[in-house]
Amino acid sequence: MPVLVYAVARPDLSPFEMPDRFRHEITYFMTISGEAGVPKLPAGEYWIKLADARTSLDDGVFHIVSPLDSASKAEIELSEEQEAWLEWMVKSGVEHVRLG
C-alpha cells in the first residue's frame, strides 16, 4: 500500500506517492525537532531541511549513524524512489511534510 507525502505548507501541490517502507525511511532524512529552528511537530509530520535534501540529492547518498557506535556513519545510495521524492522536495521548496 503506497504512502502519500503531503507538503504541509503547500496544499496546492499534489501528494507524492512512495512505497510503504518509506514510513520508516523518512527518518533517515528528517531534521530533529528543536534543532536549527525546527519546530516541534505532531506525530506523522517531518521536517527535512532543504539544504540537506539538496546535499543528499547532489551526492546521491544519505548518511546514517550506527546505533552501536555514534562515531561510525554509513553512506547509503539513494533508491530511485528516494531520489524522485528529493527532487520533488527541492523543486517545490518543501521542508515540512506529512505522511498519509
PDB file of N, CA and C in Angstrom:
ATOM      1  N   MET A   1       0.839  -1.174   0.000  1.00  0.00           N
ATOM      2  CA  MET A   1       0.000   0.000   0.000  1.00  0.00           C
ATOM      3  C   MET A   1       0.889   1.243   0.000  1.00  0.00           C
ATOM      4  N   PRO A   2       0.712   2.129  -0.954  1.00  0.00           N
ATOM      5  CA  PRO A   2       1.593   3.297  -1.031  1.00  0.00           C
ATOM      6  C   PRO A   2       1.341   4.310   0.089  1.00  0.00           C
ATOM      7  N   VAL A   3       2.351   5.099   0.354  1.00  0.00           N
ATOM      8  CA  VAL A   3       2.283   6.194   1.315  1.00  0.00           C
ATOM      9  C   VAL A   3       2.237   7.479   0.508  1.00  0.00           C
ATOM     10  N   LEU A   4       1.383   8.399   0.915  1.00  0.00           N
ATOM     11  CA  LEU A   4       1.335   9.701   0.263  1.00  0.00           C
ATOM     12  C   LEU A   4       2.066  10.710   1.134  1.00  0.00           C
ATOM     13  N   VAL A   5       2.935  11.496   0.499  1.00  0.00           N
ATOM     14  CA  VAL A   5       3.692  12.536   1.188  1.00  0.00           C
ATOM     15  C   VAL A   5       3.056  13.867   0.813  1.00  0.00           C
ATOM     16  N   TYR A   6       2.532  14.566   1.820  1.00  0.00           N
ATOM     17  CA  TYR A   6       1.862  15.853   1.608  1.00  0.00           C
ATOM     18  C   TYR A   6       2.787  16.986   2.036  1.00  0.00           C
ATOM     19  N   ALA A   7       2.848  18.045   1.237  1.00  0.00           N
ATOM     20  CA  ALA A   7       3.588  19.248   1.594  1.00  0.00           C
ATOM     21  C   ALA A   7       2.666  20.094   2.469  1.00  0.00           C
ATOM     22  N   VAL A   8       2.962  20.188   3.760  1.00  0.00           N
ATOM     23  CA  VAL A   8       2.065  20.837   4.711  1.00  0.00           C
ATOM     24  C   VAL A   8       1.797  22.298   4.344  1.00  0.00           C
ATOM     25  N   ALA A   9       2.821  23.039   4.021  1.00  0.00           N
ATOM     26  CA  ALA A   9       2.650  24.465   3.715  1.00  0.00           C
ATOM     27  C   ALA A   9       2.286  24.726   2.257  1.00  0.00           C
ATOM     28  N   ARG A  10       2.161  23.676   1.460  1.00  0.00           N
ATOM     29  CA  ARG A  10       1.859  23.820   0.037  1.00  0.00           C
ATOM     30  C   ARG A  10       0.673  22.922  -0.355  1.00  0.00           C
ATOM     31  N   PRO A  11      -0.537  23.260   0.107  1.00  0.00           N
ATOM     32  CA  PRO A  11      -1.691  22.424  -0.223  1.00  0.00           C
ATOM     33  C   PRO A  11      -2.008  22.403  -1.719  1.00  0.00           C
ATOM     34  N   ASP A  12      -1.394  23.314  -2.473  1.00  0.00           N
ATOM     35  CA  ASP A  12      -1.593  23.352  -3.923  1.00  0.00           C
ATOM     36  C   ASP A  12      -0.859  22.211  -4.638  1.00  0.00           C
ATOM     37  N   LEU A  13       0.127  21.602  -3.957  1.00  0.00           N
ATOM     38  CA  LEU A  13       0.894  20.501  -4.559  1.00  0.00           C
ATOM     39  C   LEU A  13       0.167  19.175  -4.381  1.00  0.00           C
ATOM     40  N   SER A  14       0.162  18.393  -5.421  1.00  0.00           N
ATOM     41  CA  SER A  14      -0.371  17.031  -5.302  1.00  0.00           C
ATOM     42  C   SER A  14       0.571  16.234  -4.416  1.00  0.00           C
ATOM     43  N   PRO A  15       0.044  15.319  -3.602  1.00  0.00           N
ATOM     44  CA  PRO A  15       0.916  14.495  -2.764  1.00  0.00           C
ATOM     45  C   PRO A  15       1.814  13.613  -3.623  1.00  0.00           C
ATOM     46  N   PHE A  16       2.960  13.290  -3.063  1.00  0.00           N
ATOM     47  CA  PHE A  16       3.933  12.453  -3.748  1.00  0.00           C
ATOM     48  C   PHE A  16       3.792  11.028  -3.234  1.00  0.00           C
ATOM     49  N   GLU A  17       3.649  10.068  -4.128  1.00  0.00           N
ATOM     50  CA  GLU A  17       3.450   8.667  -3.745  1.00  0.00           C
ATOM     51  C   GLU A  17       4.788   7.963  -3.556  1.00  0.00           C
ATOM     52  N   MET A  18       4.891   7.259  -2.418  1.00  0.00           N
ATOM     53  CA  MET A  18       6.094   6.486  -2.088  1.00  0.00           C
ATOM     54  C   MET A  18       5.680   5.089  -1.644  1.00  0.00           C
ATOM     55  N   PRO A  19       6.603   4.120  -1.719  1.00  0.00           N
ATOM     56  CA  PRO A  19       6.292   2.772  -1.236  1.00  0.00           C
ATOM     57  C   PRO A  19       6.071   2.776   0.283  1.00  0.00           C
ATOM     58  N   ASP A  20       5.350   1.797   0.785  1.00  0.00           N
ATOM     59  CA  ASP A  20       5.010   1.716   2.208  1.00  0.00           C
ATOM     60  C   ASP A  20       6.244   1.758   3.112  1.00  0.00           C
ATOM     61  N   ARG A  21       7.363   1.193   2.669  1.00  0.00           N
ATOM     62  CA  ARG A  21       8.575   1.180   3.507  1.00  0.00           C
ATOM     63  C   ARG A  21       9.091   2.586   3.810  1.00  0.00           C
ATOM     64  N   PHE A  22       8.610   3.586   3.044  1.00  0.00           N
ATOM     65  CA  PHE A  22       9.056   4.964   3.262  1.00  0.00           C
ATOM     66  C   PHE A  22       8.627   5.497   4.630  1.00  0.00           C
ATOM     67  N   ARG A  23       7.611   4.886   5.237  1.00  0.00           N
ATOM     68  CA  ARG A  23       7.198   5.297   6.593  1.00  0.00           C
ATOM     69  C   ARG A  23       8.383   5.197   7.557  1.00  0.00           C
ATOM     70  N   HIS A  24       9.286   4.272   7.310  1.00  0.00           N
ATOM     71  CA  HIS A  24      10.481   4.107   8.151  1.00  0.00           C
ATOM     72  C   HIS A  24      11.669   4.867   7.570  1.00  0.00           C
ATOM     73  N   GLU A  25      11.773   4.893   6.256  1.00  0.00           N
ATOM     74  CA  GLU A  25      12.927   5.520   5.600  1.00  0.00           C
ATOM     75  C   GLU A  25      12.970   7.033   5.789  1.00  0.00           C
ATOM     76  N   ILE A  26      11.834   7.669   5.955  1.00  0.00           N
ATOM     77  CA  ILE A  26      11.829   9.130   6.070  1.00  0.00           C
ATOM     78  C   ILE A  26      12.663   9.601   7.258  1.00  0.00           C
ATOM     79  N   THR A  27      12.785   8.751   8.272  1.00  0.00           N
ATOM     80  CA  THR A  27      13.575   9.139   9.448  1.00  0.00           C
ATOM     81  C   THR A  27      15.051   9.329   9.112  1.00  0.00           C
ATOM     82  N   TYR A  28      15.537   8.729   8.034  1.00  0.00           N
ATOM     83  CA  TYR A  28      16.923   8.917   7.624  1.00  0.00           C
ATOM     84  C   TYR A  28      17.181  10.341   7.130  1.00  0.00           C
ATOM     85  N   PHE A  29      16.129  11.020   6.720  1.00  0.00           N
ATOM     86  CA  PHE A  29      16.272  12.335   6.096  1.00  0.00           C
ATOM     87  C   PHE A  29      15.828  13.483   7.006  1.00  0.00           C
ATOM     88  N   MET A  30      15.049  13.186   8.018  1.00  0.00           N
ATOM     89  CA  MET A  30      14.430  14.243   8.819  1.00  0.00           C
ATOM     90  C   MET A  30      15.430  14.976   9.706  1.00  0.00           C
ATOM     91  N   THR A  31      15.093  16.223   9.994  1.00  0.00           N
ATOM     92  CA  THR A  31      15.829  17.035  10.952  1.00  0.00           C
ATOM     93  C   THR A  31      15.072  16.917  12.275  1.00  0.00           C
ATOM     94  N   ILE A  32      15.790  16.699  13.355  1.00  0.00           N
ATOM     95  CA  ILE A  32      15.180  16.503  14.671  1.00  0.00           C
ATOM     96  C   ILE A  32      14.509  17.798  15.136  1.00  0.00           C
ATOM     97  N   SER A  33      13.288  17.675  15.675  1.00  0.00           N
ATOM     98  CA  SER A  33      12.580  18.835  16.228  1.00  0.00           C
ATOM     99  C   SER A  33      13.439  19.532  17.270  1.00  0.00           C
ATOM    100  N   GLY A  34      13.438  20.851  17.224  1.00  0.00           N
ATOM    101  CA  GLY A  34      14.220  21.645  18.158  1.00  0.00           C
ATOM    102  C   GLY A  34      15.625  21.959  17.668  1.00  0.00           C
ATOM    103  N   GLU A  35      16.105  21.253  16.638  1.00  0.00           N
ATOM    104  CA  GLU A  35      17.423  21.515  16.056  1.00  0.00           C
ATOM    105  C   GLU A  35      17.317  22.591  14.997  1.00  0.00           C
ATOM    106  N   ALA A  36      18.235  23.521  15.006  1.00  0.00           N
ATOM    107  CA  ALA A  36      18.357  24.549  13.953  1.00  0.00           C
ATOM    108  C   ALA A  36      17.018  25.209  13.633  1.00  0.00           C
ATOM    109  N   GLY A  37      16.236  25.526  14.680  1.00  0.00           N
ATOM    110  CA  GLY A  37      14.990  26.238  14.469  1.00  0.00           C
ATOM    111  C   GLY A  37      13.835  25.400  13.962  1.00  0.00           C
ATOM    112  N   VAL A  38      13.971  24.098  13.976  1.00  0.00           N
ATOM    113  CA  VAL A  38      12.893  23.221  13.513  1.00  0.00           C
ATOM    114  C   VAL A  38      11.833  23.145  14.604  1.00  0.00           C
ATOM    115  N   PRO A  39      10.577  23.447  14.261  1.00  0.00           N
ATOM    116  CA  PRO A  39       9.519  23.418  15.278  1.00  0.00           C
ATOM    117  C   PRO A  39       9.198  22.000  15.748  1.00  0.00           C
ATOM    118  N   LYS A  40       8.570  21.915  16.900  1.00  0.00           N
ATOM    119  CA  LYS A  40       8.079  20.621  17.404  1.00  0.00           C
ATOM    120  C   LYS A  40       6.882  20.245  16.539  1.00  0.00           C
ATOM    121  N   LEU A  41       6.900  19.043  16.005  1.00  0.00           N
ATOM    122  CA  LEU A  41       5.871  18.609  15.062  1.00  0.00           C
ATOM    123  C   LEU A  41       5.029  17.482  15.644  1.00  0.00           C
ATOM    124  N   PRO A  42       3.761  17.412  15.236  1.00  0.00           N
ATOM    125  CA  PRO A  42       2.932  16.289  15.687  1.00  0.00           C
ATOM    126  C   PRO A  42       3.365  14.980  15.024  1.00  0.00           C
ATOM    127  N   ALA A  43       2.898  13.884  15.576  1.00  0.00           N
ATOM    128  CA  ALA A  43       3.197  12.560  15.017  1.00  0.00           C
ATOM    129  C   ALA A  43       2.766  12.509  13.555  1.00  0.00           C
ATOM    130  N   GLY A  44       3.602  11.896  12.737  1.00  0.00           N
ATOM    131  CA  GLY A  44       3.287  11.758  11.312  1.00  0.00           C
ATOM    132  C   GLY A  44       3.746  12.913  10.455  1.00  0.00           C
ATOM    133  N   GLU A  45       4.326  13.951  11.081  1.00  0.00           N
ATOM    134  CA  GLU A  45       4.872  15.086  10.335  1.00  0.00           C
ATOM    135  C   GLU A  45       6.381  15.127  10.512  1.00  0.00           C
ATOM    136  N   TYR A  46       7.067  15.581   9.462  1.00  0.00           N
ATOM    137  CA  TYR A  46       8.530  15.574   9.438  1.00  0.00           C
ATOM    138  C   TYR A  46       9.046  16.856   8.812  1.00  0.00           C
ATOM    139  N   TRP A  47      10.231  17.265   9.248  1.00  0.00           N
ATOM    140  CA  TRP A  47      10.911  18.437   8.695  1.00  0.00           C
ATOM    141  C   TRP A  47      12.215  17.947   8.075  1.00  0.00           C
ATOM    142  N   ILE A  48      12.396  18.248   6.813  1.00  0.00           N
ATOM    143  CA  ILE A  48      13.627  17.906   6.109  1.00  0.00           C
ATOM    144  C   ILE A  48      14.200  19.225   5.609  1.00  0.00           C
ATOM    145  N   LYS A  49      15.326  19.641   6.188  1.00  0.00           N
ATOM    146  CA  LYS A  49      15.916  20.918   5.758  1.00  0.00           C
ATOM    147  C   LYS A  49      16.221  20.852   4.269  1.00  0.00           C
ATOM    148  N   LEU A  50      15.838  21.906   3.565  1.00  0.00           N
ATOM    149  CA  LEU A  50      16.025  21.968   2.131  1.00  0.00           C
ATOM    150  C   LEU A  50      17.494  21.808   1.752  1.00  0.00           C
ATOM    151  N   ALA A  51      18.390  22.406   2.521  1.00  0.00           N
ATOM    152  CA  ALA A  51      19.826  22.283   2.234  1.00  0.00           C
ATOM    153  C   ALA A  51      20.278  20.828   2.347  1.00  0.00           C
ATOM    154  N   ASP A  52      19.745  20.101   3.333  1.00  0.00           N
ATOM    155  CA  ASP A  52      20.100  18.684   3.492  1.00  0.00           C
ATOM    156  C   ASP A  52      19.534  17.850   2.342  1.00  0.00           C
ATOM    157  N   ALA A  53      18.313  18.170   1.923  1.00  0.00           N
ATOM    158  CA  ALA A  53      17.702  17.455   0.788  1.00  0.00           C
ATOM    159  C   ALA A  53      18.539  17.666  -0.473  1.00  0.00           C
ATOM    160  N   ARG A  54      18.980  18.906  -0.692  1.00  0.00           N
ATOM    161  CA  ARG A  54      19.823  19.207  -1.861  1.00  0.00           C
ATOM    162  C   ARG A  54      21.138  18.443  -1.811  1.00  0.00           C
ATOM    163  N   THR A  55      21.748  18.404  -0.633  1.00  0.00           N
ATOM    164  CA  THR A  55      23.027  17.706  -0.479  1.00  0.00           C
ATOM    165  C   THR A  55      22.868  16.217  -0.784  1.00  0.00           C
ATOM    166  N   SER A  56      21.841  15.591  -0.222  1.00  0.00           N
ATOM    167  CA  SER A  56      21.608  14.166  -0.488  1.00  0.00           C
ATOM    168  C   SER A  56      21.354  13.929  -1.968  1.00  0.00           C
ATOM    169  N   LEU A  57      20.585  14.801  -2.570  1.00  0.00           N
ATOM    170  CA  LEU A  57      20.276  14.666  -3.993  1.00  0.00           C
ATOM    171  C   LEU A  57      21.530  14.847  -4.840  1.00  0.00           C
ATOM    172  N   ASP A  58      22.308  15.859  -4.544  1.00  0.00           N
ATOM    173  CA  ASP A  58      23.542  16.115  -5.293  1.00  0.00           C
ATOM    174  C   ASP A  58      24.564  14.987  -5.138  1.00  0.00           C
ATOM    175  N   ASP A  59      24.671  14.454  -3.909  1.00  0.00           N
ATOM    176  CA  ASP A  59      25.653  13.407  -3.622  1.00  0.00           C
ATOM    177  C   ASP A  59      25.159  12.018  -4.024  1.00  0.00           C
ATOM    178  N   GLY A  60      23.834  11.870  -4.135  1.00  0.00           N
ATOM    179  CA  GLY A  60      23.255  10.567  -4.469  1.00  0.00           C
ATOM    180  C   GLY A  60      23.275   9.570  -3.324  1.00  0.00           C
ATOM    181  N   VAL A  61      23.496  10.079  -2.116  1.00  0.00           N
ATOM    182  CA  VAL A  61      23.572   9.225  -0.929  1.00  0.00           C
ATOM    183  C   VAL A  61      22.959   9.938   0.273  1.00  0.00           C
ATOM    184  N   PHE A  62      22.700   9.160   1.320  1.00  0.00           N
ATOM    185  CA  PHE A  62      22.385   9.728   2.625  1.00  0.00           C
ATOM    186  C   PHE A  62      23.243   9.000   3.646  1.00  0.00           C
ATOM    187  N   HIS A  63      23.369   9.595   4.815  1.00  0.00           N
ATOM    188  CA  HIS A  63      24.234   9.025   5.851  1.00  0.00           C
ATOM    189  C   HIS A  63      23.396   8.631   7.065  1.00  0.00           C
ATOM    190  N   ILE A  64      23.735   7.493   7.643  1.00  0.00           N
ATOM    191  CA  ILE A  64      23.104   7.086   8.892  1.00  0.00           C
ATOM    192  C   ILE A  64      24.198   6.807   9.914  1.00  0.00           C
ATOM    193  N   VAL A  65      23.836   7.049  11.164  1.00  0.00           N
ATOM    194  CA  VAL A  65      24.763   6.819  12.271  1.00  0.00           C
ATOM    195  C   VAL A  65      24.490   5.438  12.835  1.00  0.00           C
ATOM    196  N   SER A  66      25.542   4.707  13.119  1.00  0.00           N
ATOM    197  CA  SER A  66      25.416   3.368  13.684  1.00  0.00           C
ATOM    198  C   SER A  66      24.786   3.450  15.070  1.00  0.00           C
ATOM    199  N   PRO A  67      23.784   2.612  15.352  1.00  0.00           N
ATOM    200  CA  PRO A  67      23.204   2.609  16.697  1.00  0.00           C
ATOM    201  C   PRO A  67      24.171   2.040  17.737  1.00  0.00           C
ATOM    202  N   LEU A  68      25.218   1.360  17.280  1.00  0.00           N
ATOM    203  CA  LEU A  68      26.194   0.767  18.204  1.00  0.00           C
ATOM    204  C   LEU A  68      27.380   1.670  18.481  1.00  0.00           C
ATOM    205  N   ASP A  69      27.651   2.592  17.554  1.00  0.00           N
ATOM    206  CA  ASP A  69      28.814   3.461  17.700  1.00  0.00           C
ATOM    207  C   ASP A  69      28.507   4.786  17.024  1.00  0.00           C
ATOM    208  N   SER A  70      28.183   5.807  17.810  1.00  0.00           N
ATOM    209  CA  SER A  70      27.758   7.089  17.245  1.00  0.00           C
ATOM    210  C   SER A  70      28.845   7.777  16.417  1.00  0.00           C
ATOM    211  N   ALA A  71      30.077   7.324  16.526  1.00  0.00           N
ATOM    212  CA  ALA A  71      31.160   7.893  15.722  1.00  0.00           C
ATOM    213  C   ALA A  71      31.213   7.275  14.330  1.00  0.00           C
ATOM    214  N   SER A  72      30.495   6.169  14.136  1.00  0.00           N
ATOM    215  CA  SER A  72      30.512   5.478  12.844  1.00  0.00           C
ATOM    216  C   SER A  72      29.286   5.856  12.016  1.00  0.00           C
ATOM    217  N   LYS A  73      29.535   6.265  10.783  1.00  0.00           N
ATOM    218  CA  LYS A  73      28.462   6.613   9.863  1.00  0.00           C
ATOM    219  C   LYS A  73      28.565   5.740   8.619  1.00  0.00           C
ATOM    220  N   ALA A  74      27.408   5.379   8.105  1.00  0.00           N
ATOM    221  CA  ALA A  74      27.368   4.614   6.857  1.00  0.00           C
ATOM    222  C   ALA A  74      26.795   5.510   5.769  1.00  0.00           C
ATOM    223  N   GLU A  75      27.311   5.359   4.575  1.00  0.00           N
ATOM    224  CA  GLU A  75      26.838   6.101   3.409  1.00  0.00           C
ATOM    225  C   GLU A  75      26.015   5.132   2.569  1.00  0.00           C
ATOM    226  N   ILE A  76      24.759   5.478   2.325  1.00  0.00           N
ATOM    227  CA  ILE A  76      23.851   4.594   1.602  1.00  0.00           C
ATOM    228  C   ILE A  76      23.349   5.300   0.349  1.00  0.00           C
ATOM    229  N   GLU A  77      23.426   4.583  -0.769  1.00  0.00           N
ATOM    230  CA  GLU A  77      22.987   5.136  -2.049  1.00  0.00           C
ATOM    231  C   GLU A  77      21.471   5.313  -2.053  1.00  0.00           C
ATOM    232  N   LEU A  78      21.027   6.429  -2.618  1.00  0.00           N
ATOM    233  CA  LEU A  78      19.593   6.693  -2.737  1.00  0.00           C
ATOM    234  C   LEU A  78      18.935   5.688  -3.675  1.00  0.00           C
ATOM    235  N   SER A  79      17.731   5.265  -3.318  1.00  0.00           N
ATOM    236  CA  SER A  79      16.941   4.447  -4.235  1.00  0.00           C
ATOM    237  C   SER A  79      16.322   5.385  -5.278  1.00  0.00           C
ATOM    238  N   GLU A  80      15.822   4.824  -6.347  1.00  0.00           N
ATOM    239  CA  GLU A  80      15.172   5.649  -7.372  1.00  0.00           C
ATOM    240  C   GLU A  80      13.994   6.412  -6.782  1.00  0.00           C
ATOM    241  N   GLU A  81      13.220   5.757  -5.906  1.00  0.00           N
ATOM    242  CA  GLU A  81      12.075   6.421  -5.279  1.00  0.00           C
ATOM    243  C   GLU A  81      12.516   7.570  -4.390  1.00  0.00           C
ATOM    244  N   GLN A  82      13.561   7.350  -3.581  1.00  0.00           N
ATOM    245  CA  GLN A  82      14.067   8.405  -2.703  1.00  0.00           C
ATOM    246  C   GLN A  82      14.580   9.584  -3.516  1.00  0.00           C
ATOM    247  N   GLU A  83      15.278   9.295  -4.597  1.00  0.00           N
ATOM    248  CA  GLU A  83      15.794  10.358  -5.456  1.00  0.00           C
ATOM    249  C   GLU A  83      14.651  11.170  -6.059  1.00  0.00           C
ATOM    250  N   ALA A  84      13.617  10.508  -6.546  1.00  0.00           N
ATOM    251  CA  ALA A  84      12.470  11.205  -7.130  1.00  0.00           C
ATOM    252  C   ALA A  84      11.765  12.060  -6.073  1.00  0.00           C
ATOM    253  N   TRP A  85      11.629  11.530  -4.862  1.00  0.00           N
ATOM    254  CA  TRP A  85      11.000  12.283  -3.772  1.00  0.00           C
ATOM    255  C   TRP A  85      11.831  13.522  -3.417  1.00  0.00           C
ATOM    256  N   LEU A  86      13.143  13.369  -3.317  1.00  0.00           N
ATOM    257  CA  LEU A  86      14.003  14.515  -3.013  1.00  0.00           C
ATOM    258  C   LEU A  86      13.940  15.564  -4.123  1.00  0.00           C
ATOM    259  N   GLU A  87      13.867  15.121  -5.370  1.00  0.00           N
ATOM    260  CA  GLU A  87      13.724  16.065  -6.479  1.00  0.00           C
ATOM    261  C   GLU A  87      12.429  16.864  -6.331  1.00  0.00           C
ATOM    262  N   TRP A  88      11.336  16.190  -5.960  1.00  0.00           N
ATOM    263  CA  TRP A  88      10.047  16.853  -5.719  1.00  0.00           C
ATOM    264  C   TRP A  88      10.177  17.861  -4.582  1.00  0.00           C
ATOM    265  N   MET A  89      10.848  17.476  -3.494  1.00  0.00           N
ATOM    266  CA  MET A  89      11.030  18.368  -2.342  1.00  0.00           C
ATOM    267  C   MET A  89      11.805  19.622  -2.743  1.00  0.00           C
ATOM    268  N   VAL A  90      12.942  19.420  -3.405  1.00  0.00           N
ATOM    269  CA  VAL A  90      13.814  20.542  -3.771  1.00  0.00           C
ATOM    270  C   VAL A  90      13.134  21.438  -4.806  1.00  0.00           C
ATOM    271  N   LYS A  91      12.586  20.840  -5.842  1.00  0.00           N
ATOM    272  CA  LYS A  91      11.925  21.610  -6.901  1.00  0.00           C
ATOM    273  C   LYS A  91      10.778  22.457  -6.346  1.00  0.00           C
ATOM    274  N   SER A  92      10.065  21.909  -5.376  1.00  0.00           N
ATOM    275  CA  SER A  92       8.897  22.585  -4.818  1.00  0.00           C
ATOM    276  C   SER A  92       9.226  23.451  -3.605  1.00  0.00           C
ATOM    277  N   GLY A  93      10.460  23.383  -3.114  1.00  0.00           N
ATOM    278  CA  GLY A  93      10.852  24.165  -1.943  1.00  0.00           C
ATOM    279  C   GLY A  93      10.164  23.698  -0.666  1.00  0.00           C
ATOM    280  N   VAL A  94       9.937  22.399  -0.561  1.00  0.00           N
ATOM    281  CA  VAL A  94       9.203  21.829   0.580  1.00  0.00           C
ATOM    282  C   VAL A  94      10.168  21.368   1.661  1.00  0.00           C
ATOM    283  N   GLU A  95       9.848  21.698   2.919  1.00  0.00           N
ATOM    284  CA  GLU A  95      10.621  21.207   4.051  1.00  0.00           C
ATOM    285  C   GLU A  95       9.737  20.454   5.039  1.00  0.00           C
ATOM    286  N   HIS A  96       8.483  20.837   5.163  1.00  0.00           N
ATOM    287  CA  HIS A  96       7.563  20.269   6.162  1.00  0.00           C
ATOM    288  C   HIS A  96       6.577  19.349   5.441  1.00  0.00           C
ATOM    289  N   VAL A  97       6.609  18.067   5.804  1.00  0.00           N
ATOM    290  CA  VAL A  97       5.735  17.085   5.151  1.00  0.00           C
ATOM    291  C   VAL A  97       4.948  16.287   6.174  1.00  0.00           C
ATOM    292  N   ARG A  98       3.855  15.721   5.694  1.00  0.00           N
ATOM    293  CA  ARG A  98       3.017  14.829   6.491  1.00  0.00           C
ATOM    294  C   ARG A  98       2.782  13.566   5.680  1.00  0.00           C
ATOM    295  N   LEU A  99       2.856  12.420   6.324  1.00  0.00           N
ATOM    296  CA  LEU A  99       2.581  11.156   5.644  1.00  0.00           C
ATOM    297  C   LEU A  99       1.115  10.795   5.823  1.00  0.00           C
ATOM    298  N   GLY A 100       0.526  10.290   4.746  1.00  0.00           N
ATOM    299  CA  GLY A 100      -0.877   9.905   4.814  1.00  0.00           C
ATOM    300  C   GLY A 100      -1.100   8.581   4.152  1.00  0.00           C
TER     301      GLY A 100
END
